[in-house]
Protein backbone atom coordinates (compact mmCIF):
# COMPACT_ATOMS: atom_id res chain seq x y z
CA MET A 1 16.31 -5.39 -16.76
CA VAL A 2 17.36 -2.15 -16.81
CA ASN A 3 19.75 -2.87 -13.88
CA SER A 4 19.73 -4.94 -10.50
CA ILE A 5 16.84 -2.92 -9.10
CA TYR A 6 15.09 -1.60 -11.80
CA PRO A 7 12.24 -2.05 -12.73
CA SER A 8 10.96 -3.32 -9.37
CA ASP A 9 9.71 -7.15 -9.22
CA PHE A 10 6.83 -6.22 -7.14
CA ARG A 11 4.08 -6.42 -10.07
CA ASN A 12 5.51 -9.90 -10.78
CA LYS A 13 4.72 -10.96 -7.04
CA LEU A 14 1.47 -9.42 -7.23
CA GLU A 15 0.82 -11.31 -10.47
CA GLY A 16 1.48 -14.55 -8.64
CA GLN A 17 -0.45 -16.73 -6.32
CA GLY A 18 1.35 -16.39 -3.07
CA VAL A 19 0.93 -13.70 -0.52
CA VAL A 20 2.72 -10.27 -0.32
CA LEU A 21 3.49 -9.13 2.77
CA GLY A 22 3.84 -5.46 4.26
CA THR A 23 4.40 -3.54 7.40
CA GLY A 24 4.00 0.24 8.09
CA MET A 25 7.20 2.38 8.23
CA PRO A 26 7.12 3.53 11.65
CA ALA A 27 9.20 6.91 11.11
CA PRO A 28 10.93 8.43 8.26
CA MET A 29 14.47 8.10 9.42
CA PRO A 30 17.04 6.29 7.39
CA HIS A 31 18.33 4.19 10.23
CA ILE A 32 14.70 3.26 11.39
CA ALA A 33 13.74 2.27 7.24
CA ALA A 34 17.04 0.54 7.15
CA GLN A 35 15.98 -1.88 9.98
CA THR A 36 12.56 -1.91 8.63
CA TYR A 37 13.71 -3.12 4.95
CA ALA A 38 16.17 -5.49 6.35
CA ALA A 39 13.29 -7.34 8.13
CA GLY A 40 12.20 -8.85 4.36
CA PRO A 41 8.82 -7.42 3.92
CA ASP A 42 7.82 -7.75 0.22
CA TRP A 43 6.50 -4.09 0.59
CA VAL A 44 6.18 -1.06 3.11
CA TRP A 45 3.18 1.31 3.89
CA ILE A 46 4.39 4.57 4.05
CA ASP A 47 1.78 6.95 5.33
CA THR A 48 1.53 10.22 4.31
CA GLU A 49 -2.45 10.46 4.86
CA HIS A 50 -2.41 10.74 8.54
CA THR A 51 1.11 11.57 9.25
CA PRO A 52 3.01 14.77 9.00
CA TRP A 53 5.29 13.76 6.64
CA GLY A 54 5.92 15.38 3.25
CA LEU A 55 7.91 14.51 0.08
CA GLU A 56 11.02 16.18 0.98
CA THR A 57 10.81 13.77 4.37
CA ILE A 58 10.09 10.52 2.84
CA TYR A 59 12.01 10.75 -0.75
CA PRO A 60 15.05 9.12 0.69
CA ILE A 61 13.25 5.86 2.40
CA LEU A 62 11.83 5.76 -0.95
CA ILE A 63 15.22 5.41 -2.96
CA GLN A 64 16.22 3.30 0.13
CA GLY A 65 13.37 0.78 -0.56
CA ARG A 66 14.08 0.35 -4.28
CA LEU A 67 18.16 -0.08 -3.18
CA SER A 68 16.67 -2.78 -0.85
CA LYS A 69 14.37 -4.40 -3.53
CA VAL A 70 11.55 -4.05 -1.19
CA ALA A 71 8.61 -1.89 -2.87
CA PRO A 72 7.74 1.40 -1.12
CA ILE A 73 4.17 1.88 -1.22
CA VAL A 74 3.04 5.45 -0.19
CA ARG A 75 -0.54 6.38 1.11
CA VAL A 76 -1.08 9.93 -0.44
CA PRO A 77 -3.42 12.04 1.64
CA TRP A 78 -6.25 12.40 -1.43
CA ASN A 79 -6.87 11.55 -4.96
CA GLU A 80 -4.94 14.81 -6.00
CA PRO A 81 -3.10 14.45 -9.80
CA GLY A 82 -0.24 16.67 -8.58
CA ILE A 83 0.28 14.62 -4.99
CA ILE A 84 0.43 11.07 -7.05
CA LYS A 85 2.64 12.44 -9.72
CA ARG A 86 5.02 14.05 -7.49
CA THR A 87 4.90 10.68 -5.28
CA TYR A 88 5.86 8.31 -8.08
CA ASP A 89 8.45 10.63 -9.28
CA ALA A 90 10.14 10.71 -5.79
CA GLY A 91 10.40 6.95 -6.17
CA ALA A 92 7.46 5.17 -4.93
CA VAL A 93 6.92 1.74 -6.59
CA GLY A 94 3.24 2.32 -5.47
CA VAL A 95 1.08 4.67 -4.53
CA MET A 96 -2.63 3.65 -2.35
CA ILE A 97 -5.47 6.31 -2.70
CA PRO A 98 -7.81 6.59 0.16
CA GLN A 99 -11.56 6.89 0.15
CA ILE A 100 -12.20 6.03 -3.52
CA ASP A 101 -15.70 6.31 -3.21
CA THR A 102 -17.04 6.22 -7.09
CA PRO A 103 -16.03 4.76 -10.61
CA ASN A 104 -15.05 8.49 -11.42
CA GLU A 105 -12.84 8.88 -8.94
CA ALA A 106 -10.96 5.35 -9.42
CA ALA A 107 -10.70 6.49 -13.24
CA ASP A 108 -9.05 9.82 -12.27
CA ALA A 109 -6.75 8.23 -9.95
CA VAL A 110 -5.87 5.95 -12.68
CA SER A 111 -5.13 8.60 -15.07
CA ALA A 112 -3.00 10.43 -12.62
CA SER A 113 -0.86 7.27 -12.05
CA LYS A 114 -0.05 6.11 -15.50
CA TYR A 115 1.68 7.53 -18.49
CA PRO A 116 0.01 8.06 -21.98
CA PRO A 117 -1.66 6.21 -23.39
CA LEU A 118 -3.39 4.41 -20.54
CA GLY A 119 -3.47 7.89 -18.31
CA SER A 120 -2.03 11.33 -18.48
CA ARG A 121 0.83 11.20 -15.86
CA GLY A 122 3.49 13.93 -16.99
CA ILE A 123 7.25 12.98 -17.70
CA ALA A 124 9.87 13.95 -15.43
CA PRO A 125 10.73 10.66 -13.22
CA TRP A 126 13.22 12.52 -10.67
CA PHE A 127 14.16 9.42 -8.61
CA GLY A 128 16.01 8.18 -11.94
CA ASN A 129 18.66 10.69 -11.35
CA ILE A 130 19.65 9.17 -7.95
CA LEU A 131 19.85 5.93 -9.25
CA ASP A 132 21.35 6.39 -12.53
CA ILE A 133 18.20 5.13 -14.51
CA SER A 134 17.35 7.31 -17.41
CA SER A 135 14.02 8.65 -18.10
CA ALA A 136 13.31 7.04 -20.96
CA ASP A 137 13.90 3.53 -19.23
CA ILE A 138 11.37 4.63 -16.37
CA VAL A 139 8.64 5.63 -19.05
CA MET A 140 9.06 2.51 -20.90
CA ASN A 141 8.72 0.60 -17.96
CA ALA A 142 6.24 2.62 -15.67
CA ASN A 143 3.03 1.33 -16.50
CA SER A 144 4.09 -2.21 -16.05
CA GLU A 145 6.14 -1.74 -13.28
CA THR A 146 4.20 0.52 -10.74
CA VAL A 147 1.07 -0.25 -8.59
CA LEU A 148 -1.97 1.61 -8.01
CA ALA A 149 -3.68 0.79 -4.98
CA LEU A 150 -7.26 2.30 -4.15
CA GLN A 151 -8.76 1.87 -0.68
CA MET A 152 -12.33 1.19 -0.09
CA GLU A 153 -13.56 2.75 3.15
CA SER A 154 -17.25 3.74 2.86
CA ALA A 155 -20.79 2.51 2.47
CA GLU A 156 -20.82 4.36 -0.77
CA ALA A 157 -17.92 2.83 -2.03
CA TRP A 158 -19.18 -0.50 -1.10
CA GLU A 159 -22.58 0.09 -3.06
CA GLN A 160 -20.72 0.87 -6.12
CA VAL A 161 -17.97 -1.48 -5.68
CA ASP A 162 -18.89 -3.51 -8.94
CA GLU A 163 -18.62 -0.64 -11.03
CA ILE A 164 -15.36 0.78 -9.44
CA LEU A 165 -13.65 -2.79 -10.19
CA LYS A 166 -14.80 -2.35 -13.99
CA ILE A 167 -12.10 0.43 -14.42
CA PRO A 168 -9.25 -0.56 -15.88
CA GLY A 169 -5.74 0.32 -14.61
CA PHE A 170 -5.42 -0.29 -11.22
CA GLU A 171 -3.97 -3.22 -9.83
CA VAL A 172 -5.05 -3.48 -6.10
CA MET A 173 -8.23 -2.72 -3.86
CA ILE A 174 -7.39 -2.28 -0.20
CA VAL A 175 -10.46 -2.64 2.16
CA GLY A 176 -9.93 -0.25 4.87
CA PRO A 177 -11.69 -1.95 7.95
CA ALA A 178 -11.62 1.04 10.33
CA ASP A 179 -13.07 3.74 8.24
CA LEU A 180 -15.40 1.13 6.74
CA SER A 181 -16.54 0.35 10.25
CA ALA A 182 -17.03 4.23 10.84
CA SER A 183 -19.47 4.48 7.84
CA TYR A 184 -21.43 1.95 8.81
CA GLY A 185 -21.87 3.29 12.71
CA GLY A 186 -19.24 1.33 13.96
CA HIS A 187 -17.09 3.81 15.43
CA GLY A 188 -13.66 2.21 13.86
CA ASP A 189 -14.16 -1.18 15.38
CA VAL A 190 -12.47 -3.30 12.69
CA HIS A 191 -14.28 -6.54 13.62
CA PHE A 192 -17.92 -4.84 13.31
CA GLY A 193 -20.21 -7.56 12.11
CA LYS A 194 -21.21 -5.17 9.00
CA VAL A 195 -17.46 -4.77 8.30
CA GLU A 196 -16.56 -8.43 8.29
CA GLN A 197 -19.15 -9.38 6.19
CA ILE A 198 -18.35 -6.73 3.29
CA MET A 199 -14.68 -8.47 3.86
CA THR A 200 -15.96 -11.62 2.85
CA ASP A 201 -18.52 -10.95 0.47
CA ILE A 202 -15.81 -8.60 -1.84
CA VAL A 203 -13.55 -11.50 -2.13
CA PRO A 204 -15.09 -13.47 -5.01
CA LYS A 205 -15.92 -10.01 -6.76
CA ILE A 206 -12.26 -9.14 -6.53
CA LYS A 207 -11.17 -12.31 -8.15
CA LYS A 208 -13.59 -11.88 -11.15
CA ALA A 209 -12.05 -8.79 -11.81
CA GLY A 210 -8.81 -10.01 -12.00
CA LYS A 211 -7.43 -7.45 -9.36
CA VAL A 212 -5.60 -8.22 -6.09
CA LEU A 213 -7.23 -7.95 -2.63
CA GLY A 214 -5.14 -6.23 0.43
CA THR A 215 -6.11 -4.79 4.08
CA THR A 216 -4.03 -4.12 7.07
CA PHE A 217 -4.45 -5.37 10.87
CA ALA A 218 -2.30 -4.79 13.87
CA ASP A 219 -2.90 -8.34 15.00
CA PRO A 220 -1.18 -11.28 12.93
CA ASP A 221 -3.98 -13.34 14.03
CA ASP A 222 -6.08 -11.33 12.04
CA CYS A 223 -3.83 -10.83 9.34
CA ARG A 224 -3.70 -15.11 9.20
CA ARG A 225 -7.48 -15.03 9.18
CA TRP A 226 -8.13 -12.63 6.27
CA ILE A 227 -5.09 -14.18 4.35
CA LYS A 228 -6.85 -17.61 4.27
CA GLU A 229 -10.15 -15.73 3.19
CA GLY A 230 -8.18 -14.10 -0.01
CA TYR A 231 -6.20 -11.00 0.98
CA ARG A 232 -3.09 -11.47 -0.80
CA MET A 233 -1.66 -8.00 -0.04
CA MET A 234 -1.48 -7.70 3.61
CA ASN A 235 -0.14 -5.11 6.01
CA VAL A 236 1.09 -6.73 8.98
CA SER A 237 1.14 -4.19 11.94
CA THR A 238 4.12 -2.06 12.23
CA PRO A 239 8.11 -2.46 13.56
CA MET A 240 7.41 -0.26 16.31
CA ASP A 241 3.85 -1.73 17.69
CA LEU A 242 5.42 -5.51 17.38
CA GLY A 243 8.56 -4.30 18.98
CA THR A 244 7.18 -2.60 21.83
CA LYS A 245 4.56 -5.23 22.68
CA THR A 246 7.49 -8.06 22.61
CA LEU A 247 9.69 -5.72 24.85
CA THR A 248 6.52 -5.04 27.21
CA LYS A 249 6.49 -8.87 27.43
CA ILE A 250 10.14 -9.24 28.28
CA PHE A 251 10.10 -6.54 30.77
CA ARG A 252 6.79 -8.06 32.75
CA GLU A 253 8.55 -11.46 32.98
CA LEU A 254 11.80 -10.31 34.22
CA ARG A 255 10.09 -8.24 36.88
CA GLU A 256 8.21 -11.44 37.93
CA GLU A 257 11.30 -13.37 38.00
CA PHE A 258 13.56 -10.93 39.62
CA GLY A 259 11.28 -8.68 41.18
């Protein structure tokens, strides 16, 4: 090990047989990030696809994640090499790329994410300056330390999933049940019949390809169900959602008791 926090051990967890649990970062503020990391996740989903957050906003919480020995996984807005490179350079242990529909798109994502000879990522890992890690150490370890997660979220992607899974260089496939549902006319229903059938049918394909399968649900009972089916990288709601539901229940109980 270069030091106590680098390289991250998240890849080792993925390569094991247990579940790796994450949750969604509810806001990019350091005090909220600190409480989220302290809850004990293996990784945290930091979304820049649907939020207004940019790298200038999230880079401090990427550093916090590494210091907390929790893997910050950033979902980028799109499969664009410059965005992917800068996200890793800012300190992300993993990058998640939405809407990967074809083998060529998967290959492009790998190229942007890996240093030569596996890819074409340019060398200037900025986060090392903050954590006192040399560029040489990062370049030496990055291809075996960082994680690339590709999202399967459409009928087109499902039709080509066998060919996508043949692309080397990415570690995780994340099934996005809401967008996948929409592509089949389910209007975002994560329990839409076609989606649940696909989520079941993909499990042996992932195992055969030697990848890790992941997804996300707001309801912990849904998380339990799909972990049992073989989804080892699971995002469990967000601390804000789970916390406000608990608070709502407490308010209701107190009002019933005391009026």
